[in-house]
Amino acid sequence: MLNNFQRVEVLSNFLPFLQSWHGRIIVVKYGGSVMQNLSLKSKIVQDILLLSYLGIKVIIVHGGGPIINNWLSKLGIKPQFFNGVRMTDKNTMELVEMVLVGKVNKDLVTLLNNSSSTAVGLSGKDANLIIASPLFPQQPDNYTGKIEKINLKVVDLLLHSGYIPVIASVASDKNGQAYNINADSVAGAIAESLNADKLILLTDMPGIMSDTNNPASLFKNLDVQQLENLKDKKIILGGMIPKVDCCIKALKNNVRSVHIVNGSIEHVLLLEILTSSSTGSILLP
């Protein structure tokens, strides 16, 4: 256990990081099976609250794939994916909206507000935050969507007032039709629109790897050109495809860096922001 002098020394060593990050913007995409582990979930919440108390503006975007799949299984519906993106028929869309907006979002907001009163839950529908359109327009019964427009007025208002926006990745088109949008894409688009200093994707994987069965194959540092080469070589596959696509787009549009990290590492957000090294993959323009 640290004595008082050691505690003070540790805090003083963090001072340069605290000074450099005060007032900056970080977008955190929270998803994967880590969302179902209450202990890990509480650690993520602690990190987010601490960063907010330190003057860092944090926006949370969440999906909820494993939770959606659990509910689909209960209803006897088999999940369908194409290149890591969920295919969403009418019944699935109704369930996705209920689970993400009515359950996952509110549970996360409640957990944050148990220790503060600063979290506000939103979906892309609120204040027309996100205007969507079909990702597969040739499939009229597919409600998987893409982003047409971002309207950050409500997010700017919340950040300016010291609140933490918590955003579910459901939006609607100009006619009010709901669409399920990949949460990585939403996080990337919001990070772009805010000119965020950092986008952090919390996943079930250590980061980007050349062999998903070999943690030693982790790429610690990559730039946009290297990412595009890995895609061309089919090293990036499945659910990592939309993640990397959103990262490339964000890095080409003023986001300074992207971190893809394993959300099951305790206090991973603090490690990524308040130390000089990363536990996962750092992506740069």
C-alpha atoms as a PDB file:
ATOM      1  CA  MET A   1       0.000   0.000   0.000  1.00  0.00           C
ATOM      2  CA  LEU A   2       1.268   3.490  -0.836  1.00  0.00           C
ATOM      3  CA  ASN A   3       2.166   5.858   1.964  1.00  0.00           C
ATOM      4  CA  ASN A   4       1.060   9.502   1.890  1.00  0.00           C
ATOM      5  CA  PHE A   5       4.259  10.741   0.235  1.00  0.00           C
ATOM      6  CA  GLN A   6       4.007   8.093  -2.500  1.00  0.00           C
ATOM      7  CA  ARG A   7       0.366   9.015  -3.141  1.00  0.00           C
ATOM      8  CA  VAL A   8       1.308  12.673  -3.577  1.00  0.00           C
ATOM      9  CA  GLU A   9       4.151  11.722  -5.933  1.00  0.00           C
ATOM     10  CA  VAL A  10       1.815   9.588  -8.066  1.00  0.00           C
ATOM     11  CA  LEU A  11      -0.674  12.449  -8.318  1.00  0.00           C
ATOM     12  CA  SER A  12       2.050  14.942  -9.234  1.00  0.00           C
ATOM     13  CA  ASN A  13       3.240  12.652 -12.030  1.00  0.00           C
ATOM     14  CA  PHE A  14      -0.247  12.782 -13.544  1.00  0.00           C
ATOM     15  CA  LEU A  15      -0.350  16.586 -13.536  1.00  0.00           C
ATOM     16  CA  PRO A  16       1.070  17.051 -17.078  1.00  0.00           C
ATOM     17  CA  PHE A  17      -1.561  14.679 -18.498  1.00  0.00           C
ATOM     18  CA  LEU A  18      -4.362  16.388 -16.555  1.00  0.00           C
ATOM     19  CA  GLN A  19      -3.289  19.825 -17.744  1.00  0.00           C
ATOM     20  CA  SER A  20      -2.982  18.746 -21.375  1.00  0.00           C
ATOM     21  CA  TRP A  21      -6.418  17.069 -21.443  1.00  0.00           C
ATOM     22  CA  HIS A  22      -8.517  19.616 -19.568  1.00  0.00           C
ATOM     23  CA  GLY A  23     -11.359  20.815 -21.810  1.00  0.00           C
ATOM     24  CA  ARG A  24     -10.629  18.330 -24.593  1.00  0.00           C
ATOM     25  CA  ILE A  25     -13.226  16.065 -26.201  1.00  0.00           C
ATOM     26  CA  ILE A  26     -13.214  12.270 -26.099  1.00  0.00           C
ATOM     27  CA  VAL A  27     -15.795   9.987 -27.705  1.00  0.00           C
ATOM     28  CA  VAL A  28     -16.064   6.518 -26.184  1.00  0.00           C
ATOM     29  CA  LYS A  29     -17.816   3.715 -28.033  1.00  0.00           C
ATOM     30  CA  TYR A  30     -18.972   1.253 -25.390  1.00  0.00           C
ATOM     31  CA  GLY A  31     -20.036  -2.187 -26.572  1.00  0.00           C
ATOM     32  CA  GLY A  32     -19.343  -5.875 -26.684  1.00  0.00           C
ATOM     33  CA  SER A  33     -19.734  -8.483 -23.983  1.00  0.00           C
ATOM     34  CA  VAL A  34     -18.046  -6.149 -21.485  1.00  0.00           C
ATOM     35  CA  MET A  35     -21.460  -4.464 -21.197  1.00  0.00           C
ATOM     36  CA  GLN A  36     -22.834  -7.620 -19.566  1.00  0.00           C
ATOM     37  CA  ASN A  37     -20.192  -7.819 -16.818  1.00  0.00           C
ATOM     38  CA  LEU A  38     -21.397  -5.663 -13.922  1.00  0.00           C
ATOM     39  CA  SER A  39     -17.962  -5.401 -12.309  1.00  0.00           C
ATOM     40  CA  LEU A  40     -16.300  -4.214 -15.538  1.00  0.00           C
ATOM     41  CA  LYS A  41     -19.250  -1.950 -16.240  1.00  0.00           C
ATOM     42  CA  SER A  42     -18.788  -0.216 -12.882  1.00  0.00           C
ATOM     43  CA  LYS A  43     -15.065   0.313 -13.604  1.00  0.00           C
ATOM     44  CA  ILE A  44     -15.876   1.924 -16.966  1.00  0.00           C
ATOM     45  CA  VAL A  45     -18.409   4.177 -15.253  1.00  0.00           C
ATOM     46  CA  GLN A  46     -15.843   5.166 -12.602  1.00  0.00           C
ATOM     47  CA  ASP A  47     -13.339   6.058 -15.331  1.00  0.00           C
ATOM     48  CA  ILE A  48     -15.883   8.156 -17.241  1.00  0.00           C
ATOM     49  CA  LEU A  49     -16.942  10.058 -14.135  1.00  0.00           C
ATOM     50  CA  LEU A  50     -13.347  10.732 -13.099  1.00  0.00           C
ATOM     51  CA  LEU A  51     -12.464  12.021 -16.578  1.00  0.00           C
ATOM     52  CA  SER A  52     -15.510  14.275 -16.482  1.00  0.00           C
ATOM     53  CA  TYR A  53     -14.579  15.596 -13.015  1.00  0.00           C
ATOM     54  CA  LEU A  54     -11.102  16.395 -14.393  1.00  0.00           C
ATOM     55  CA  GLY A  55     -12.629  18.672 -17.006  1.00  0.00           C
ATOM     56  CA  ILE A  56     -12.525  16.285 -19.981  1.00  0.00           C
ATOM     57  CA  LYS A  57     -15.652  16.343 -22.146  1.00  0.00           C
ATOM     58  CA  VAL A  58     -16.781  12.737 -22.603  1.00  0.00           C
ATOM     59  CA  ILE A  59     -19.455  11.505 -25.010  1.00  0.00           C
ATOM     60  CA  ILE A  60     -20.547   7.860 -24.794  1.00  0.00           C
ATOM     61  CA  VAL A  61     -21.987   6.022 -27.785  1.00  0.00           C
ATOM     62  CA  HIS A  62     -23.201   2.501 -27.153  1.00  0.00           C
ATOM     63  CA  GLY A  63     -24.440  -0.493 -29.029  1.00  0.00           C
ATOM     64  CA  GLY A  64     -25.613  -3.656 -27.346  1.00  0.00           C
ATOM     65  CA  GLY A  65     -25.091  -6.505 -29.784  1.00  0.00           C
ATOM     66  CA  PRO A  66     -24.827  -9.383 -27.292  1.00  0.00           C
ATOM     67  CA  ILE A  67     -27.893  -8.164 -25.384  1.00  0.00           C
ATOM     68  CA  ILE A  68     -29.893  -7.800 -28.611  1.00  0.00           C
ATOM     69  CA  ASN A  69     -28.837 -11.314 -29.649  1.00  0.00           C
ATOM     70  CA  ASN A  70     -29.995 -12.703 -26.296  1.00  0.00           C
ATOM     71  CA  TRP A  71     -33.458 -11.197 -26.791  1.00  0.00           C
ATOM     72  CA  LEU A  72     -33.626 -12.357 -30.406  1.00  0.00           C
ATOM     73  CA  SER A  73     -32.773 -15.872 -29.229  1.00  0.00           C
ATOM     74  CA  LYS A  74     -35.627 -15.761 -26.705  1.00  0.00           C
ATOM     75  CA  LEU A  75     -37.994 -14.920 -29.574  1.00  0.00           C
ATOM     76  CA  GLY A  76     -36.559 -17.611 -31.842  1.00  0.00           C
ATOM     77  CA  ILE A  77     -35.061 -15.099 -34.300  1.00  0.00           C
ATOM     78  CA  LYS A  78     -31.622 -15.862 -35.716  1.00  0.00           C
ATOM     79  CA  PRO A  79     -29.330 -12.797 -35.986  1.00  0.00           C
ATOM     80  CA  GLN A  80     -28.028 -12.106 -39.487  1.00  0.00           C
ATOM     81  CA  PHE A  81     -24.876 -10.147 -40.362  1.00  0.00           C
ATOM     82  CA  PHE A  82     -23.139  -8.963 -43.513  1.00  0.00           C
ATOM     83  CA  ASN A  83     -19.491  -7.835 -43.216  1.00  0.00           C
ATOM     84  CA  GLY A  84     -19.962  -7.344 -39.491  1.00  0.00           C
ATOM     85  CA  VAL A  85     -23.138  -5.240 -39.883  1.00  0.00           C
ATOM     86  CA  ARG A  86     -26.460  -6.474 -38.469  1.00  0.00           C
ATOM     87  CA  MET A  87     -29.275  -7.046 -40.962  1.00  0.00           C
ATOM     88  CA  THR A  88     -32.448  -5.582 -39.473  1.00  0.00           C
ATOM     89  CA  ASP A  89     -35.939  -6.671 -40.520  1.00  0.00           C
ATOM     90  CA  LYS A  90     -39.079  -5.008 -39.107  1.00  0.00           C
ATOM     91  CA  ASN A  91     -39.401  -7.266 -36.048  1.00  0.00           C
ATOM     92  CA  THR A  92     -35.692  -6.990 -35.279  1.00  0.00           C
ATOM     93  CA  MET A  93     -35.864  -3.196 -35.617  1.00  0.00           C
ATOM     94  CA  GLU A  94     -38.608  -2.961 -33.022  1.00  0.00           C
ATOM     95  CA  LEU A  95     -36.619  -5.133 -30.640  1.00  0.00           C
ATOM     96  CA  VAL A  96     -33.350  -3.236 -31.289  1.00  0.00           C
ATOM     97  CA  GLU A  97     -35.020   0.075 -30.423  1.00  0.00           C
ATOM     98  CA  MET A  98     -36.634  -1.308 -27.275  1.00  0.00           C
ATOM     99  CA  VAL A  99     -33.400  -2.903 -26.068  1.00  0.00           C
ATOM    100  CA  LEU A 100     -30.949  -0.124 -26.958  1.00  0.00           C
ATOM    101  CA  VAL A 101     -33.063   2.927 -26.121  1.00  0.00           C
ATOM    102  CA  GLY A 102     -35.343   1.557 -23.425  1.00  0.00           C
ATOM    103  CA  LYS A 103     -33.010  -0.843 -21.634  1.00  0.00           C
ATOM    104  CA  VAL A 104     -29.276  -0.509 -22.346  1.00  0.00           C
ATOM    105  CA  ASN A 105     -29.246   3.287 -22.513  1.00  0.00           C
ATOM    106  CA  LYS A 106     -31.305   3.814 -19.374  1.00  0.00           C
ATOM    107  CA  ASP A 107     -29.355   1.215 -17.377  1.00  0.00           C
ATOM    108  CA  LEU A 108     -26.088   2.964 -18.260  1.00  0.00           C
ATOM    109  CA  VAL A 109     -27.479   6.424 -17.487  1.00  0.00           C
ATOM    110  CA  THR A 110     -28.806   5.182 -14.152  1.00  0.00           C
ATOM    111  CA  LEU A 111     -25.439   3.678 -13.240  1.00  0.00           C
ATOM    112  CA  LEU A 112     -23.652   6.947 -14.054  1.00  0.00           C
ATOM    113  CA  ASN A 113     -26.214   8.998 -12.149  1.00  0.00           C
ATOM    114  CA  ASN A 114     -25.925   6.832  -9.035  1.00  0.00           C
ATOM    115  CA  SER A 115     -22.609   8.615  -8.425  1.00  0.00           C
ATOM    116  CA  SER A 116     -23.463  11.929 -10.080  1.00  0.00           C
ATOM    117  CA  SER A 117     -26.362  13.657 -11.773  1.00  0.00           C
ATOM    118  CA  THR A 118     -24.578  14.445 -15.004  1.00  0.00           C
ATOM    119  CA  ALA A 119     -25.549  11.728 -17.510  1.00  0.00           C
ATOM    120  CA  VAL A 120     -28.293  12.323 -20.071  1.00  0.00           C
ATOM    121  CA  GLY A 121     -29.579   9.505 -22.259  1.00  0.00           C
ATOM    122  CA  LEU A 122     -30.272  10.138 -25.929  1.00  0.00           C
ATOM    123  CA  SER A 123     -30.884   8.297 -29.161  1.00  0.00           C
ATOM    124  CA  GLY A 124     -30.294   9.593 -32.644  1.00  0.00           C
ATOM    125  CA  LYS A 125     -33.988  10.524 -32.729  1.00  0.00           C
ATOM    126  CA  ASP A 126     -33.713  13.115 -29.957  1.00  0.00           C
ATOM    127  CA  ALA A 127     -33.539  16.681 -31.283  1.00  0.00           C
ATOM    128  CA  ASN A 128     -32.855  15.106 -34.695  1.00  0.00           C
ATOM    129  CA  LEU A 129     -29.354  14.328 -33.505  1.00  0.00           C
ATOM    130  CA  ILE A 130     -28.935  11.851 -36.389  1.00  0.00           C
ATOM    131  CA  ILE A 131     -30.868  11.764 -39.649  1.00  0.00           C
ATOM    132  CA  ALA A 132     -30.673   8.273 -41.126  1.00  0.00           C
ATOM    133  CA  SER A 133     -31.279   6.612 -44.465  1.00  0.00           C
ATOM    134  CA  PRO A 134     -31.269   2.925 -45.496  1.00  0.00           C
ATOM    135  CA  LEU A 135     -27.860   1.306 -45.841  1.00  0.00           C
ATOM    136  CA  PHE A 136     -29.378  -1.179 -48.291  1.00  0.00           C
ATOM    137  CA  PRO A 137     -31.954   0.837 -50.277  1.00  0.00           C
ATOM    138  CA  GLN A 138     -32.505  -2.071 -52.667  1.00  0.00           C
ATOM    139  CA  GLN A 139     -33.900  -4.054 -49.691  1.00  0.00           C
ATOM    140  CA  PRO A 140     -37.051  -2.164 -48.564  1.00  0.00           C
ATOM    141  CA  ASP A 141     -37.602  -4.480 -45.579  1.00  0.00           C
ATOM    142  CA  ASN A 142     -34.071  -3.985 -44.219  1.00  0.00           C
ATOM    143  CA  TYR A 143     -33.941  -1.268 -41.541  1.00  0.00           C
ATOM    144  CA  THR A 144     -30.195  -1.223 -41.143  1.00  0.00           C
ATOM    145  CA  GLY A 145     -29.297   2.418 -41.600  1.00  0.00           C
ATOM    146  CA  LYS A 146     -26.500   4.822 -42.351  1.00  0.00           C
ATOM    147  CA  ILE A 147     -25.926   8.410 -41.265  1.00  0.00           C
ATOM    148  CA  GLU A 148     -27.095  11.183 -43.577  1.00  0.00           C
ATOM    149  CA  LYS A 149     -26.667  14.119 -41.230  1.00  0.00           C
ATOM    150  CA  ILE A 150     -25.467  14.897 -37.704  1.00  0.00           C
ATOM    151  CA  ASN A 151     -27.032  17.755 -35.721  1.00  0.00           C
ATOM    152  CA  LEU A 152     -24.917  18.367 -32.628  1.00  0.00           C
ATOM    153  CA  LYS A 153     -26.897  21.235 -31.129  1.00  0.00           C
ATOM    154  CA  VAL A 154     -28.222  19.157 -28.220  1.00  0.00           C
ATOM    155  CA  VAL A 155     -24.807  17.512 -27.616  1.00  0.00           C
ATOM    156  CA  ASP A 156     -23.036  20.889 -27.615  1.00  0.00           C
ATOM    157  CA  LEU A 157     -25.609  22.211 -25.159  1.00  0.00           C
ATOM    158  CA  LEU A 158     -25.110  19.257 -22.810  1.00  0.00           C
ATOM    159  CA  LEU A 159     -21.304  19.399 -22.960  1.00  0.00           C
ATOM    160  CA  HIS A 160     -21.295  23.158 -22.350  1.00  0.00           C
ATOM    161  CA  SER A 161     -23.471  22.586 -19.260  1.00  0.00           C
ATOM    162  CA  GLY A 162     -21.213  19.872 -17.846  1.00  0.00           C
ATOM    163  CA  TYR A 163     -23.345  16.849 -18.752  1.00  0.00           C
ATOM    164  CA  ILE A 164     -22.264  13.499 -20.205  1.00  0.00           C
ATOM    165  CA  PRO A 165     -24.308  12.569 -23.311  1.00  0.00           C
ATOM    166  CA  VAL A 166     -25.032   8.833 -23.560  1.00  0.00           C
ATOM    167  CA  ILE A 167     -26.177   8.034 -27.095  1.00  0.00           C
ATOM    168  CA  ALA A 168     -27.932   4.898 -28.374  1.00  0.00           C
ATOM    169  CA  SER A 169     -27.271   4.069 -32.018  1.00  0.00           C
ATOM    170  CA  VAL A 170     -30.894   4.229 -33.209  1.00  0.00           C
ATOM    171  CA  ALA A 171     -32.069   7.047 -35.497  1.00  0.00           C
ATOM    172  CA  SER A 172     -34.860   7.867 -37.930  1.00  0.00           C
ATOM    173  CA  ASP A 173     -35.148   9.194 -41.451  1.00  0.00           C
ATOM    174  CA  LYS A 174     -36.966  12.394 -42.491  1.00  0.00           C
ATOM    175  CA  ASN A 175     -40.267  10.512 -42.380  1.00  0.00           C
ATOM    176  CA  GLY A 176     -39.755   9.150 -38.875  1.00  0.00           C
ATOM    177  CA  GLN A 177     -38.883   5.587 -39.870  1.00  0.00           C
ATOM    178  CA  ALA A 178     -36.505   4.074 -37.320  1.00  0.00           C
ATOM    179  CA  TYR A 179     -33.157   2.601 -38.380  1.00  0.00           C
ATOM    180  CA  ASN A 180     -30.533   0.564 -36.592  1.00  0.00           C
ATOM    181  CA  ILE A 181     -27.101   2.095 -37.210  1.00  0.00           C
ATOM    182  CA  ASN A 182     -23.783   0.456 -36.401  1.00  0.00           C
ATOM    183  CA  ALA A 183     -22.600   2.012 -33.132  1.00  0.00           C
ATOM    184  CA  ASP A 184     -18.991   2.247 -34.327  1.00  0.00           C
ATOM    185  CA  SER A 185     -20.173   4.349 -37.274  1.00  0.00           C
ATOM    186  CA  VAL A 186     -22.189   6.607 -34.963  1.00  0.00           C
ATOM    187  CA  ALA A 187     -19.239   7.078 -32.619  1.00  0.00           C
ATOM    188  CA  GLY A 188     -16.923   7.880 -35.517  1.00  0.00           C
ATOM    189  CA  ALA A 189     -19.343  10.360 -37.091  1.00  0.00           C
ATOM    190  CA  ILE A 190     -19.911  12.183 -33.797  1.00  0.00           C
ATOM    191  CA  ALA A 191     -16.150  12.293 -33.154  1.00  0.00           C
ATOM    192  CA  GLU A 192     -15.659  13.801 -36.642  1.00  0.00           C
ATOM    193  CA  SER A 193     -18.371  16.411 -36.138  1.00  0.00           C
ATOM    194  CA  LEU A 194     -16.917  17.447 -32.777  1.00  0.00           C
ATOM    195  CA  ASN A 195     -13.298  17.399 -34.026  1.00  0.00           C
ATOM    196  CA  ALA A 196     -12.646  15.091 -31.076  1.00  0.00           C
ATOM    197  CA  ASP A 197      -9.129  14.715 -29.753  1.00  0.00           C
ATOM    198  CA  LYS A 198      -9.596  10.993 -29.270  1.00  0.00           C
ATOM    199  CA  LEU A 199     -12.022   8.247 -30.228  1.00  0.00           C
ATOM    200  CA  ILE A 200     -11.813   5.118 -28.069  1.00  0.00           C
ATOM    201  CA  LEU A 201     -13.507   1.888 -29.153  1.00  0.00           C
ATOM    202  CA  LEU A 202     -13.992  -0.588 -26.309  1.00  0.00           C
ATOM    203  CA  THR A 203     -14.168  -4.104 -27.731  1.00  0.00           C
ATOM    204  CA  ASP A 204     -13.784  -7.768 -26.789  1.00  0.00           C
ATOM    205  CA  MET A 205     -10.426  -7.912 -28.590  1.00  0.00           C
ATOM    206  CA  PRO A 206      -6.984  -6.560 -27.571  1.00  0.00           C
ATOM    207  CA  GLY A 207      -6.995  -4.417 -30.717  1.00  0.00           C
ATOM    208  CA  ILE A 208      -6.184  -5.070 -34.356  1.00  0.00           C
ATOM    209  CA  MET A 209      -4.291  -8.338 -34.809  1.00  0.00           C
ATOM    210  CA  SER A 210      -2.884 -10.212 -37.779  1.00  0.00           C
ATOM    211  CA  ASP A 211      -4.027 -13.449 -36.093  1.00  0.00           C
ATOM    212  CA  THR A 212      -7.040 -13.192 -33.791  1.00  0.00           C
ATOM    213  CA  ASN A 213      -5.884 -16.337 -31.962  1.00  0.00           C
ATOM    214  CA  ASN A 214      -2.464 -14.876 -31.186  1.00  0.00           C
ATOM    215  CA  PRO A 215      -2.357 -11.838 -28.837  1.00  0.00           C
ATOM    216  CA  ALA A 216       1.320 -11.361 -29.749  1.00  0.00           C
ATOM    217  CA  SER A 217       0.218 -10.407 -33.289  1.00  0.00           C
ATOM    218  CA  LEU A 218      -1.316  -7.150 -32.000  1.00  0.00           C
ATOM    219  CA  PHE A 219      -0.540  -4.056 -34.081  1.00  0.00           C
ATOM    220  CA  LYS A 220       0.386  -1.381 -31.532  1.00  0.00           C
ATOM    221  CA  ASN A 221       0.559   1.540 -33.988  1.00  0.00           C
ATOM    222  CA  LEU A 222      -1.018   1.944 -37.421  1.00  0.00           C
ATOM    223  CA  ASP A 223      -1.723   4.816 -39.782  1.00  0.00           C
ATOM    224  CA  VAL A 224      -4.525   5.162 -42.348  1.00  0.00           C
ATOM    225  CA  GLN A 225      -2.460   3.770 -45.222  1.00  0.00           C
ATOM    226  CA  GLN A 226      -1.480   0.712 -43.187  1.00  0.00           C
ATOM    227  CA  LEU A 227      -5.119   0.157 -42.188  1.00  0.00           C
ATOM    228  CA  GLU A 228      -6.233   0.273 -45.808  1.00  0.00           C
ATOM    229  CA  ASN A 229      -3.481  -2.201 -46.737  1.00  0.00           C
ATOM    230  CA  LEU A 230      -4.648  -4.612 -44.014  1.00  0.00           C
ATOM    231  CA  LYS A 231      -8.190  -4.395 -45.384  1.00  0.00           C
ATOM    232  CA  ASP A 232      -6.985  -5.071 -48.929  1.00  0.00           C
ATOM    233  CA  LYS A 233      -5.078  -8.130 -47.704  1.00  0.00           C
ATOM    234  CA  LYS A 234      -8.231  -9.463 -45.942  1.00  0.00           C
ATOM    235  CA  ILE A 235      -6.468  -9.416 -42.575  1.00  0.00           C
ATOM    236  CA  ILE A 236      -9.305  -7.306 -41.170  1.00  0.00           C
ATOM    237  CA  LEU A 237     -12.512  -9.350 -41.252  1.00  0.00           C
ATOM    238  CA  GLY A 238     -15.995  -9.676 -39.747  1.00  0.00           C
ATOM    239  CA  GLY A 239     -17.002  -7.256 -37.004  1.00  0.00           C
ATOM    240  CA  MET A 240     -13.638  -5.492 -37.219  1.00  0.00           C
ATOM    241  CA  ILE A 241     -14.502  -4.195 -40.720  1.00  0.00           C
ATOM    242  CA  PRO A 242     -17.045  -1.498 -39.666  1.00  0.00           C
ATOM    243  CA  LYS A 243     -14.758  -0.559 -36.771  1.00  0.00           C
ATOM    244  CA  VAL A 244     -11.787   0.038 -39.053  1.00  0.00           C
ATOM    245  CA  ASP A 245     -13.942   1.787 -41.648  1.00  0.00           C
ATOM    246  CA  CYS A 246     -15.204   4.272 -39.068  1.00  0.00           C
ATOM    247  CA  CYS A 247     -11.644   4.766 -37.790  1.00  0.00           C
ATOM    248  CA  ILE A 248     -10.276   5.531 -41.257  1.00  0.00           C
ATOM    249  CA  LYS A 249     -13.087   7.997 -41.950  1.00  0.00           C
ATOM    250  CA  ALA A 250     -12.641   9.693 -38.561  1.00  0.00           C
ATOM    251  CA  LEU A 251      -8.877  10.025 -38.970  1.00  0.00           C
ATOM    252  CA  LYS A 252      -9.367  11.577 -42.411  1.00  0.00           C
ATOM    253  CA  ASN A 253     -11.761  14.117 -40.888  1.00  0.00           C
ATOM    254  CA  ASN A 254      -9.912  15.818 -38.029  1.00  0.00           C
ATOM    255  CA  VAL A 255     -10.022  13.184 -35.262  1.00  0.00           C
ATOM    256  CA  ARG A 256      -6.479  13.184 -33.885  1.00  0.00           C
ATOM    257  CA  SER A 257      -6.231   9.555 -32.815  1.00  0.00           C
ATOM    258  CA  VAL A 258      -8.283   6.403 -32.388  1.00  0.00           C
ATOM    259  CA  HIS A 259      -7.672   3.682 -29.812  1.00  0.00           C
ATOM    260  CA  ILE A 260      -9.101   0.163 -30.212  1.00  0.00           C
ATOM    261  CA  VAL A 261      -8.745  -1.563 -26.846  1.00  0.00           C
ATOM    262  CA  ASN A 262     -10.037  -4.452 -24.781  1.00  0.00           C
ATOM    263  CA  GLY A 263     -12.819  -3.126 -22.564  1.00  0.00           C
ATOM    264  CA  SER A 264     -12.320  -5.949 -20.062  1.00  0.00           C
ATOM    265  CA  ILE A 265      -9.073  -4.383 -18.794  1.00  0.00           C
ATOM    266  CA  GLU A 266      -9.848  -2.636 -15.528  1.00  0.00           C
ATOM    267  CA  HIS A 267      -9.722   1.168 -15.783  1.00  0.00           C
ATOM    268  CA  VAL A 268      -8.705   0.923 -19.434  1.00  0.00           C
ATOM    269  CA  LEU A 269      -9.959   4.457 -20.176  1.00  0.00           C
ATOM    270  CA  LEU A 270      -7.671   5.977 -17.559  1.00  0.00           C
ATOM    271  CA  LEU A 271      -4.763   3.948 -18.896  1.00  0.00           C
ATOM    272  CA  GLU A 272      -5.408   5.177 -22.445  1.00  0.00           C
ATOM    273  CA  ILE A 273      -5.713   8.844 -21.516  1.00  0.00           C
ATOM    274  CA  LEU A 274      -3.607   9.449 -18.424  1.00  0.00           C
ATOM    275  CA  THR A 275      -0.538   7.425 -19.445  1.00  0.00           C
ATOM    276  CA  SER A 276       1.812   7.653 -22.414  1.00  0.00           C
ATOM    277  CA  SER A 277       1.251   4.097 -23.678  1.00  0.00           C
ATOM    278  CA  SER A 278      -1.739   2.109 -24.939  1.00  0.00           C
ATOM    279  CA  THR A 279      -3.041  -1.316 -23.961  1.00  0.00           C
ATOM    280  CA  GLY A 280      -4.301  -1.881 -27.521  1.00  0.00           C
ATOM    281  CA  SER A 281      -3.938  -0.411 -31.009  1.00  0.00           C
ATOM    282  CA  ILE A 282      -3.360   3.311 -31.573  1.00  0.00           C
ATOM    283  CA  LEU A 283      -4.435   4.560 -34.995  1.00  0.00           C
ATOM    284  CA  LEU A 284      -3.164   7.831 -36.442  1.00  0.00           C
ATOM    285  CA  PRO A 285      -3.795   9.781 -39.693  1.00  0.00           C
END
